[in-house]
């Protein structure tokens, strides 16, 4: 439940930043570097929350099958596989290792 609250908080914070930014800056545009940092903040925080949730408290509750399934995702993303294929492959690897 805490993970979903954190995801919701990150989503609200990201929306708030994106909504109030133009209002505070008026017609001025942000520098490209600032725009790229703002765009990557929410995904980076979400990835951190997922890693902490998967690895457990102080990494004592680590499920290696789940870690292996998640390890397939970056490999397929780098090979430009479609998202549904990536998700099915991650689930399949996790399920096969749990047999």
N, C-alpha and C. Protein backbone atom coordinates (compact mmCIF):
# COMPACT_ATOMS: atom_id res chain seq x y z
N UNK A 1 0.83 -1.20 0.00
CA UNK A 1 0.00 0.00 0.00
C UNK A 1 0.87 1.26 0.00
N UNK A 2 1.99 1.23 0.75
CA UNK A 2 2.87 2.39 0.80
C UNK A 2 3.45 2.72 -0.57
N UNK A 3 3.74 1.69 -1.36
CA UNK A 3 4.28 1.92 -2.68
C UNK A 3 3.30 2.69 -3.54
N UNK A 4 2.02 2.32 -3.48
CA UNK A 4 1.02 3.01 -4.29
C UNK A 4 0.83 4.45 -3.82
N UNK A 5 0.93 4.67 -2.53
CA UNK A 5 0.85 6.05 -2.03
C UNK A 5 2.04 6.87 -2.53
N UNK A 6 3.20 6.26 -2.53
CA UNK A 6 4.39 6.96 -3.03
C UNK A 6 4.27 7.25 -4.52
N UNK A 7 3.77 6.29 -5.29
CA UNK A 7 3.58 6.50 -6.72
C UNK A 7 2.58 7.64 -6.96
N UNK A 8 1.51 7.63 -6.20
CA UNK A 8 0.53 8.72 -6.32
C UNK A 8 1.12 10.07 -5.96
N UNK A 9 1.94 10.10 -4.91
CA UNK A 9 2.57 11.36 -4.50
C UNK A 9 3.53 11.87 -5.57
N UNK A 10 4.28 10.97 -6.18
CA UNK A 10 5.20 11.37 -7.24
C UNK A 10 4.41 11.89 -8.45
N UNK A 11 3.31 11.23 -8.76
CA UNK A 11 2.49 11.68 -9.89
C UNK A 11 1.92 13.07 -9.63
N UNK A 12 1.41 13.29 -8.42
CA UNK A 12 0.86 14.60 -8.08
C UNK A 12 1.95 15.67 -8.10
N UNK A 13 3.11 15.36 -7.53
CA UNK A 13 4.22 16.30 -7.53
C UNK A 13 4.67 16.63 -8.95
N UNK A 14 4.76 15.62 -9.78
CA UNK A 14 5.17 15.84 -11.17
C UNK A 14 4.15 16.70 -11.90
N UNK A 15 2.88 16.41 -11.71
CA UNK A 15 1.83 17.20 -12.36
C UNK A 15 1.86 18.64 -11.87
N UNK A 16 2.07 18.81 -10.56
CA UNK A 16 2.12 20.16 -9.99
C UNK A 16 3.29 20.95 -10.56
N UNK A 17 4.45 20.33 -10.65
CA UNK A 17 5.62 21.01 -11.22
C UNK A 17 5.37 21.41 -12.67
N UNK A 18 4.78 20.49 -13.42
CA UNK A 18 4.53 20.78 -14.83
C UNK A 18 3.42 21.81 -15.02
N UNK A 19 2.50 21.88 -14.07
CA UNK A 19 1.40 22.84 -14.19
C UNK A 19 1.83 24.24 -13.75
N UNK A 20 2.55 24.33 -12.66
CA UNK A 20 2.92 25.64 -12.13
C UNK A 20 4.15 26.23 -12.81
N UNK A 21 4.95 25.42 -13.44
CA UNK A 21 6.14 25.93 -14.11
C UNK A 21 5.83 27.00 -15.13
N UNK A 22 4.94 26.71 -16.09
CA UNK A 22 4.60 27.75 -17.07
C UNK A 22 3.92 28.97 -16.44
N UNK A 23 3.15 28.76 -15.40
CA UNK A 23 2.47 29.88 -14.76
C UNK A 23 3.48 30.81 -14.08
N UNK A 24 4.50 30.24 -13.47
CA UNK A 24 5.49 31.04 -12.77
C UNK A 24 6.50 31.70 -13.73
N UNK A 25 6.79 31.02 -14.82
CA UNK A 25 7.79 31.55 -15.75
C UNK A 25 7.20 32.48 -16.79
N UNK A 26 5.89 32.52 -16.88
CA UNK A 26 5.27 33.36 -17.90
C UNK A 26 5.52 32.80 -19.28
N UNK A 27 5.91 33.63 -20.21
CA UNK A 27 6.14 33.19 -21.58
C UNK A 27 7.56 32.71 -21.83
N UNK A 28 8.42 32.76 -20.81
CA UNK A 28 9.82 32.35 -21.00
C UNK A 28 9.94 30.82 -21.04
N UNK A 29 10.86 30.35 -21.81
CA UNK A 29 11.11 28.91 -21.90
C UNK A 29 12.28 28.54 -21.00
N UNK A 30 12.20 27.35 -20.44
CA UNK A 30 13.32 26.84 -19.64
C UNK A 30 14.47 26.44 -20.56
N UNK A 31 15.67 26.48 -20.04
CA UNK A 31 16.81 25.97 -20.82
C UNK A 31 16.63 24.47 -21.08
N UNK A 32 17.17 23.96 -22.17
CA UNK A 32 17.01 22.53 -22.49
C UNK A 32 17.48 21.61 -21.37
N UNK A 33 18.56 21.97 -20.71
CA UNK A 33 19.08 21.13 -19.62
C UNK A 33 18.07 21.02 -18.48
N UNK A 34 17.45 22.12 -18.11
CA UNK A 34 16.44 22.11 -17.03
C UNK A 34 15.22 21.29 -17.44
N UNK A 35 14.81 21.40 -18.70
CA UNK A 35 13.67 20.62 -19.17
C UNK A 35 13.96 19.13 -19.11
N UNK A 36 15.17 18.74 -19.46
CA UNK A 36 15.50 17.31 -19.45
C UNK A 36 15.56 16.77 -18.02
N UNK A 37 16.05 17.58 -17.09
CA UNK A 37 16.09 17.14 -15.68
C UNK A 37 14.68 16.99 -15.13
N UNK A 38 13.82 17.93 -15.42
CA UNK A 38 12.44 17.86 -14.94
C UNK A 38 11.72 16.66 -15.54
N UNK A 39 11.95 16.40 -16.81
CA UNK A 39 11.29 15.27 -17.48
C UNK A 39 11.73 13.93 -16.91
N UNK A 40 12.94 13.84 -16.40
CA UNK A 40 13.45 12.56 -15.90
C UNK A 40 13.27 12.37 -14.39
N UNK A 41 12.77 13.37 -13.69
CA UNK A 41 12.64 13.26 -12.25
C UNK A 41 11.63 12.20 -11.83
N UNK A 42 10.43 12.24 -12.39
CA UNK A 42 9.40 11.27 -12.01
C UNK A 42 9.79 9.84 -12.36
N UNK A 43 10.29 9.54 -13.57
CA UNK A 43 10.69 8.16 -13.85
C UNK A 43 11.82 7.67 -12.94
N UNK A 44 12.75 8.55 -12.60
CA UNK A 44 13.85 8.13 -11.72
C UNK A 44 13.34 7.81 -10.32
N UNK A 45 12.45 8.63 -9.81
CA UNK A 45 11.88 8.35 -8.49
C UNK A 45 11.05 7.08 -8.50
N UNK A 46 10.26 6.89 -9.54
CA UNK A 46 9.45 5.68 -9.65
C UNK A 46 10.34 4.43 -9.72
N UNK A 47 11.42 4.50 -10.48
CA UNK A 47 12.35 3.37 -10.56
C UNK A 47 12.96 3.09 -9.19
N UNK A 48 13.30 4.13 -8.46
CA UNK A 48 13.83 3.93 -7.11
C UNK A 48 12.83 3.26 -6.18
N UNK A 49 11.57 3.67 -6.27
CA UNK A 49 10.54 3.05 -5.43
C UNK A 49 10.36 1.58 -5.78
N UNK A 50 10.40 1.26 -7.07
CA UNK A 50 10.24 -0.13 -7.48
C UNK A 50 11.41 -0.97 -6.98
N UNK A 51 12.63 -0.47 -7.10
CA UNK A 51 13.80 -1.22 -6.63
C UNK A 51 13.72 -1.46 -5.13
N UNK A 52 13.36 -0.45 -4.37
CA UNK A 52 13.25 -0.61 -2.92
C UNK A 52 12.15 -1.61 -2.57
N UNK A 53 11.03 -1.56 -3.29
CA UNK A 53 9.95 -2.49 -3.00
C UNK A 53 10.32 -3.92 -3.38
N UNK A 54 11.02 -4.11 -4.49
CA UNK A 54 11.38 -5.46 -4.93
C UNK A 54 12.44 -6.06 -4.02
N UNK A 55 13.43 -5.29 -3.65
CA UNK A 55 14.53 -5.83 -2.86
C UNK A 55 14.21 -5.97 -1.38
N UNK A 56 13.15 -5.35 -0.92
CA UNK A 56 12.73 -5.53 0.47
C UNK A 56 13.51 -4.65 1.43
N UNK A 57 13.10 -4.74 2.69
CA UNK A 57 13.72 -3.94 3.74
C UNK A 57 15.16 -4.41 3.94
N UNK A 58 16.08 -3.52 3.74
CA UNK A 58 17.52 -3.82 3.86
C UNK A 58 17.93 -5.02 3.02
N UNK A 59 17.22 -5.24 1.93
CA UNK A 59 17.47 -6.30 0.97
C UNK A 59 17.38 -7.69 1.59
N UNK A 60 16.72 -7.81 2.72
CA UNK A 60 16.61 -9.12 3.36
C UNK A 60 15.51 -9.97 2.74
N UNK A 61 14.51 -9.33 2.11
CA UNK A 61 13.42 -10.09 1.52
C UNK A 61 13.53 -10.20 0.02
N UNK A 62 14.73 -10.26 -0.49
CA UNK A 62 14.94 -10.27 -1.93
C UNK A 62 14.46 -11.57 -2.55
N UNK A 63 13.62 -11.46 -3.56
CA UNK A 63 13.15 -12.61 -4.33
C UNK A 63 13.96 -12.64 -5.63
N UNK A 64 14.90 -13.54 -5.72
CA UNK A 64 15.82 -13.56 -6.86
C UNK A 64 15.11 -13.85 -8.18
N UNK A 65 13.99 -14.59 -8.13
CA UNK A 65 13.26 -14.84 -9.37
C UNK A 65 12.66 -13.54 -9.91
N UNK A 66 12.18 -12.71 -9.02
CA UNK A 66 11.63 -11.42 -9.42
C UNK A 66 12.72 -10.49 -9.95
N UNK A 67 13.86 -10.51 -9.30
CA UNK A 67 14.99 -9.70 -9.77
C UNK A 67 15.44 -10.16 -11.16
N UNK A 68 15.46 -11.46 -11.39
CA UNK A 68 15.85 -11.97 -12.71
C UNK A 68 14.83 -11.56 -13.77
N UNK A 69 13.55 -11.63 -13.43
CA UNK A 69 12.52 -11.20 -14.37
C UNK A 69 12.64 -9.73 -14.70
N UNK A 70 12.92 -8.91 -13.70
CA UNK A 70 13.11 -7.48 -13.95
C UNK A 70 14.40 -7.20 -14.70
N UNK A 71 15.38 -8.08 -14.56
CA UNK A 71 16.64 -7.91 -15.28
C UNK A 71 16.50 -8.11 -16.78
N UNK A 72 15.46 -8.82 -17.19
CA UNK A 72 15.21 -9.04 -18.62
C UNK A 72 14.73 -7.74 -19.28
N UNK A 73 14.04 -6.90 -18.52
CA UNK A 73 13.43 -5.69 -19.08
C UNK A 73 14.46 -4.76 -19.73
N UNK A 74 15.53 -4.36 -19.04
CA UNK A 74 16.47 -3.45 -19.72
C UNK A 74 17.14 -4.07 -20.95
N UNK A 75 17.34 -5.36 -20.92
CA UNK A 75 17.95 -6.01 -22.08
C UNK A 75 17.05 -5.90 -23.30
N UNK A 76 15.76 -6.15 -23.09
CA UNK A 76 14.83 -6.07 -24.21
C UNK A 76 14.56 -4.63 -24.64
N UNK A 77 14.58 -3.71 -23.69
CA UNK A 77 14.39 -2.30 -24.03
C UNK A 77 15.56 -1.81 -24.88
N UNK A 78 16.77 -2.24 -24.53
CA UNK A 78 17.94 -1.85 -25.33
C UNK A 78 17.89 -2.42 -26.74
N UNK A 79 17.23 -3.55 -26.89
CA UNK A 79 17.08 -4.16 -28.21
C UNK A 79 15.84 -3.64 -28.93
N UNK A 80 15.20 -2.64 -28.34
CA UNK A 80 14.03 -1.97 -28.93
C UNK A 80 12.85 -2.90 -29.12
N UNK A 81 12.65 -3.83 -28.18
CA UNK A 81 11.47 -4.70 -28.23
C UNK A 81 10.24 -3.90 -27.83
N UNK A 82 9.08 -4.23 -28.38
CA UNK A 82 7.86 -3.53 -27.98
C UNK A 82 7.55 -3.78 -26.50
N UNK A 83 6.88 -2.82 -25.88
CA UNK A 83 6.58 -2.92 -24.45
C UNK A 83 5.79 -4.17 -24.09
N UNK A 84 4.74 -4.55 -24.83
CA UNK A 84 4.02 -5.78 -24.46
C UNK A 84 4.93 -7.02 -24.50
N UNK A 85 5.81 -7.08 -25.47
CA UNK A 85 6.74 -8.22 -25.56
C UNK A 85 7.67 -8.22 -24.35
N UNK A 86 8.14 -7.05 -23.97
CA UNK A 86 9.03 -6.92 -22.82
C UNK A 86 8.34 -7.37 -21.54
N UNK A 87 7.11 -6.94 -21.35
CA UNK A 87 6.38 -7.31 -20.14
C UNK A 87 6.09 -8.81 -20.09
N UNK A 88 5.68 -9.38 -21.22
CA UNK A 88 5.40 -10.82 -21.25
C UNK A 88 6.68 -11.61 -21.00
N UNK A 89 7.79 -11.17 -21.55
CA UNK A 89 9.07 -11.86 -21.34
C UNK A 89 9.49 -11.81 -19.86
N UNK A 90 9.32 -10.65 -19.23
CA UNK A 90 9.67 -10.54 -17.81
C UNK A 90 8.81 -11.45 -16.95
N UNK A 91 7.52 -11.50 -17.25
CA UNK A 91 6.63 -12.38 -16.49
C UNK A 91 6.99 -13.84 -16.75
N UNK A 92 7.28 -14.18 -18.00
CA UNK A 92 7.61 -15.56 -18.34
C UNK A 92 8.90 -16.01 -17.65
N UNK A 93 9.91 -15.17 -17.63
CA UNK A 93 11.17 -15.54 -16.98
C UNK A 93 10.93 -15.75 -15.47
N UNK A 94 10.19 -14.86 -14.86
CA UNK A 94 9.90 -15.02 -13.44
C UNK A 94 9.12 -16.29 -13.17
N UNK A 95 8.11 -16.56 -13.99
CA UNK A 95 7.29 -17.76 -13.79
C UNK A 95 8.09 -19.04 -14.01
N UNK A 96 8.93 -19.05 -15.04
CA UNK A 96 9.74 -20.24 -15.30
C UNK A 96 10.74 -20.50 -14.18
N UNK A 97 11.31 -19.47 -13.61
CA UNK A 97 12.27 -19.67 -12.53
C UNK A 97 11.58 -20.12 -11.25
N UNK A 98 10.32 -19.80 -11.10
CA UNK A 98 9.59 -20.22 -9.89
C UNK A 98 9.08 -21.65 -9.96
N UNK A 99 9.16 -22.28 -11.14
CA UNK A 99 8.69 -23.67 -11.26
C UNK A 99 9.49 -24.63 -10.46
